[in-house]
Amino acid sequence: MVFKDILQERLLESFTFNMVGMSGILATLGAILGIFSGLFWINLTKTKDLLKKQKHLLKRDVQKLIELGEHDWVEFKSSMRYDYFKKTPNRELEVVIAKTIVGFMNAKGGKLIVGVDDEGKILGLENDFKTLKHKNKDGFEREVFRIISTYIDREASFGSHVSFYELDGKDICLID
């Protein structure tokens, strides 16, 4: 027998009256899976759109915080490790970051924005990235948690949240 003949014979056998029940079950199962897949995709798309809108709102809120300037619960720091006056890395600045975070913890909250000077000018984190082992946002975030764990308390890092935003083409970091 030729392959074509075998295939034709098998196909005809699979559509016998005995297989109607099985075919119906498989068709129903396929339809149910298709419906659930479609609903999942719709939900996933809506969630993605919602997250995109929320990210835009958060970015707008951070811009507004910077426009309002520093006050009791918002503090700007130009850098975490790069000294803009000496134009060199300065790990002693980590202590300043830690003290600011402790101050906010004692005051029941606040937001530290790194990469913005005292006048609200966005400097970015690029110089800080250059001082890190991992020269990116992930490395910066790791360093923030290392500072909190080292200078404050390991458990304090569990209550801290680090976010990054791009403003004026520069990355800034919000720690709260």
Foldseek 3Di string as FASTA:
>chain_A
DDPVVVVVVVVVVCPDPVNPVVVVVVVVVVVVVVVVVVVVVVVVVVVVVVVVVVLVVVLVVVLVVLVVADDDAEEEAQECFADPVVRGGHNVSLVVVLVVVVSQVVVVHHKYKYQADRNSRGRAHQVVLVVFPRSDPVRVLVVNQVSCCVVPNNVVSVVKDWDWDADPNGIMIMID
